[in-house]
């Protein structure tokens, strides 16, 4: 299967799981390349957010603490940086702060922006996977290079027995090239 098709199939599978809710920019309407992978999920499973990355991550944490398994969608890693403080100081630390009583299971979906066929500018194509791996202790970072990795990685993130949060990094260039 192709990279794009596998992501779309996986998002539809996630939408069919109890307690999931997609939150983010262009999850309920077009605007970025990632929307095409979400356009067929039920409208009740997608909550469009304003362009306020930090608020989105805080809202995502609230959903997780309320019993949801949120999939928080950020079309570009460069803009996820605006929510990194919330990830590092709240989501990544809640289990330690609560002595393991609160373990928010969150799926954070982000991509490196495609630089083909048109280069969108350097503020749209960053890949900070190694920085995120060094920064987080509770949030696991998984980079998705091949189509065959996609479904299993997202299924693992949804079904985690250790209830850890997972940051899954897609590659926009692979949507059309693999």
Protein backbone atom coordinates (compact mmCIF):
# COMPACT_ATOMS: atom_id res chain seq x y z
CA UNK A 1 0.00 0.00 0.00
CA UNK A 2 1.08 3.59 -0.56
CA UNK A 3 2.04 5.93 2.31
CA UNK A 4 -0.97 8.24 1.83
CA UNK A 5 -3.44 5.37 1.48
CA UNK A 6 -2.10 3.70 4.61
CA UNK A 7 -2.41 6.92 6.64
CA UNK A 8 -5.97 7.48 5.40
CA UNK A 9 -6.95 3.89 6.21
CA UNK A 10 -5.37 4.21 9.65
CA UNK A 11 -7.16 7.50 10.43
CA UNK A 12 -10.47 5.88 9.47
CA UNK A 13 -9.68 2.94 11.76
CA UNK A 14 -8.86 5.33 14.62
CA UNK A 15 -12.12 7.21 14.03
CA UNK A 16 -13.98 3.94 14.54
CA UNK A 17 -12.43 3.36 17.97
CA UNK A 18 -14.30 4.30 21.10
CA UNK A 19 -13.15 7.42 22.93
CA UNK A 20 -11.14 8.87 20.03
CA UNK A 21 -11.53 12.46 18.91
CA UNK A 22 -9.42 14.29 16.33
CA UNK A 23 -8.57 17.87 17.28
CA UNK A 24 -6.53 20.38 15.35
CA UNK A 25 -6.27 22.64 12.36
CA UNK A 26 -7.92 21.38 9.16
CA UNK A 27 -9.27 18.20 10.74
CA UNK A 28 -12.88 19.11 9.88
CA UNK A 29 -12.26 21.04 6.66
CA UNK A 30 -9.66 21.51 3.95
CA UNK A 31 -6.55 23.64 4.33
CA UNK A 32 -3.49 21.41 4.55
CA UNK A 33 -2.26 18.24 2.87
CA UNK A 34 -3.18 16.24 5.99
CA UNK A 35 -6.90 16.98 5.64
CA UNK A 36 -7.16 14.56 2.72
CA UNK A 37 -6.42 11.73 5.17
CA UNK A 38 -9.29 12.83 7.44
CA UNK A 39 -11.98 13.90 4.97
CA UNK A 40 -13.96 10.65 5.31
CA UNK A 41 -14.04 10.33 9.10
CA UNK A 42 -17.42 11.06 10.74
CA UNK A 43 -17.93 14.75 11.45
CA UNK A 44 -18.65 14.02 15.13
CA UNK A 45 -15.10 12.67 15.49
CA UNK A 46 -13.34 15.88 14.30
CA UNK A 47 -13.11 19.10 16.25
CA UNK A 48 -11.62 22.03 14.34
CA UNK A 49 -9.35 24.21 16.46
CA UNK A 50 -8.27 27.81 16.01
CA UNK A 51 -4.66 28.54 15.10
CA UNK A 52 -3.45 28.49 18.69
CA UNK A 53 -1.07 25.58 19.07
CA UNK A 54 -0.50 25.92 22.81
CA UNK A 55 -4.22 26.07 23.56
CA UNK A 56 -4.79 23.03 21.36
CA UNK A 57 -2.26 20.98 23.35
CA UNK A 58 -3.76 22.10 26.67
CA UNK A 59 -7.24 21.22 25.37
CA UNK A 60 -5.89 17.85 24.24
CA UNK A 61 -4.58 17.15 27.74
CA UNK A 62 -7.98 18.05 29.18
CA UNK A 63 -9.68 15.60 26.83
CA UNK A 64 -7.28 12.83 27.85
CA UNK A 65 -7.86 13.50 31.55
CA UNK A 66 -11.62 13.33 30.85
CA UNK A 67 -11.25 9.82 29.39
CA UNK A 68 -10.86 10.46 25.66
CA UNK A 69 -7.98 9.25 23.53
CA UNK A 70 -7.41 12.44 21.56
CA UNK A 71 -5.52 12.56 18.31
CA UNK A 72 -4.05 16.07 18.27
CA UNK A 73 -3.13 17.02 14.70
CA UNK A 74 -0.42 19.52 13.82
CA UNK A 75 0.29 19.81 10.08
CA UNK A 76 3.87 21.02 10.61
CA UNK A 77 6.52 20.28 13.23
CA UNK A 78 7.63 23.91 13.07
CA UNK A 79 4.28 24.94 14.54
CA UNK A 80 4.22 22.08 17.06
CA UNK A 81 7.19 23.90 18.60
CA UNK A 82 4.66 26.46 19.86
CA UNK A 83 3.04 23.70 21.95
CA UNK A 84 6.27 22.04 23.05
CA UNK A 85 6.28 23.80 26.43
CA UNK A 86 2.87 22.30 27.18
CA UNK A 87 4.10 18.89 26.08
CA UNK A 88 7.34 19.06 28.08
CA UNK A 89 6.01 20.71 31.22
CA UNK A 90 2.53 19.22 31.45
CA UNK A 91 1.84 16.08 29.39
CA UNK A 92 5.32 14.64 29.89
CA UNK A 93 5.30 15.39 33.64
CA UNK A 94 1.71 14.61 34.72
CA UNK A 95 2.50 10.95 35.52
CA UNK A 96 5.42 11.95 37.77
CA UNK A 97 3.53 14.82 39.40
CA UNK A 98 0.55 12.55 40.15
CA UNK A 99 2.67 9.60 41.32
CA UNK A 100 1.42 7.60 38.35
CA UNK A 101 -2.28 8.14 39.04
CA UNK A 102 -2.82 10.29 35.95
CA UNK A 103 -1.37 8.91 32.74
CA UNK A 104 -2.88 10.75 29.80
CA UNK A 105 -2.87 8.61 26.66
CA UNK A 106 -2.58 11.13 23.84
CA UNK A 107 -1.72 10.61 20.20
CA UNK A 108 0.04 13.62 18.73
CA UNK A 109 0.07 13.51 14.94
CA UNK A 110 2.51 15.81 13.17
CA UNK A 111 4.33 15.98 9.87
CA UNK A 112 7.34 17.42 8.22
CA UNK A 113 5.86 19.59 5.52
CA UNK A 114 6.36 18.53 1.92
CA UNK A 115 8.88 20.57 -0.04
CA UNK A 116 7.69 19.23 -3.41
CA UNK A 117 6.33 20.19 -5.89
CA UNK A 118 6.65 23.69 -4.39
CA UNK A 119 8.94 24.60 -1.50
CA UNK A 120 6.69 26.25 1.14
CA UNK A 121 9.50 27.99 3.02
CA UNK A 122 11.88 26.78 5.68
CA UNK A 123 9.40 27.46 8.50
CA UNK A 124 7.24 24.61 7.12
CA UNK A 125 9.66 21.71 6.58
CA UNK A 126 11.53 21.17 9.86
CA UNK A 127 12.08 17.78 11.43
CA UNK A 128 12.75 17.95 15.16
CA UNK A 129 12.38 14.23 15.96
CA UNK A 130 15.77 13.94 17.69
CA UNK A 131 15.17 17.05 19.79
CA UNK A 132 11.76 15.72 20.88
CA UNK A 133 13.29 12.34 21.79
CA UNK A 134 15.82 14.06 24.04
CA UNK A 135 13.26 16.39 25.57
CA UNK A 136 10.55 13.91 26.58
CA UNK A 137 10.65 11.04 29.03
CA UNK A 138 6.94 10.03 29.05
CA UNK A 139 6.00 10.89 25.47
CA UNK A 140 7.40 8.35 23.01
CA UNK A 141 8.47 9.67 19.60
CA UNK A 142 7.93 7.44 16.56
CA UNK A 143 8.96 8.49 13.06
CA UNK A 144 7.01 6.92 10.19
CA UNK A 145 9.29 6.33 7.21
CA UNK A 146 7.59 3.44 5.42
CA UNK A 147 3.94 2.68 4.61
CA UNK A 148 4.16 -0.67 6.40
CA UNK A 149 4.96 1.06 9.72
CA UNK A 150 1.95 3.36 9.80
CA UNK A 151 -1.00 1.23 10.91
CA UNK A 152 0.93 -0.72 13.54
CA UNK A 153 2.41 2.45 15.05
CA UNK A 154 -0.95 4.19 15.41
CA UNK A 155 -2.63 1.00 16.65
CA UNK A 156 0.14 0.63 19.23
CA UNK A 157 -0.33 4.28 20.31
CA UNK A 158 -4.08 3.75 20.72
CA UNK A 159 -3.85 0.41 22.54
CA UNK A 160 -0.83 1.13 24.76
CA UNK A 161 -1.03 -0.80 28.00
CA UNK A 162 1.45 1.58 29.66
CA UNK A 163 -0.90 4.50 28.80
CA UNK A 164 2.02 6.65 27.58
CA UNK A 165 1.45 9.42 25.09
CA UNK A 166 2.88 9.02 21.60
CA UNK A 167 4.17 11.60 19.12
CA UNK A 168 3.94 10.16 15.59
CA UNK A 169 5.89 11.98 12.91
CA UNK A 170 4.78 11.60 9.30
CA UNK A 171 6.73 12.86 6.30
CA UNK A 172 4.80 15.03 3.87
CA UNK A 173 7.10 14.19 0.97
CA UNK A 174 6.19 10.50 1.36
CA UNK A 175 2.47 11.18 0.76
CA UNK A 176 3.06 11.21 -3.00
CA UNK A 177 6.46 9.49 -3.28
CA UNK A 178 6.07 6.17 -1.42
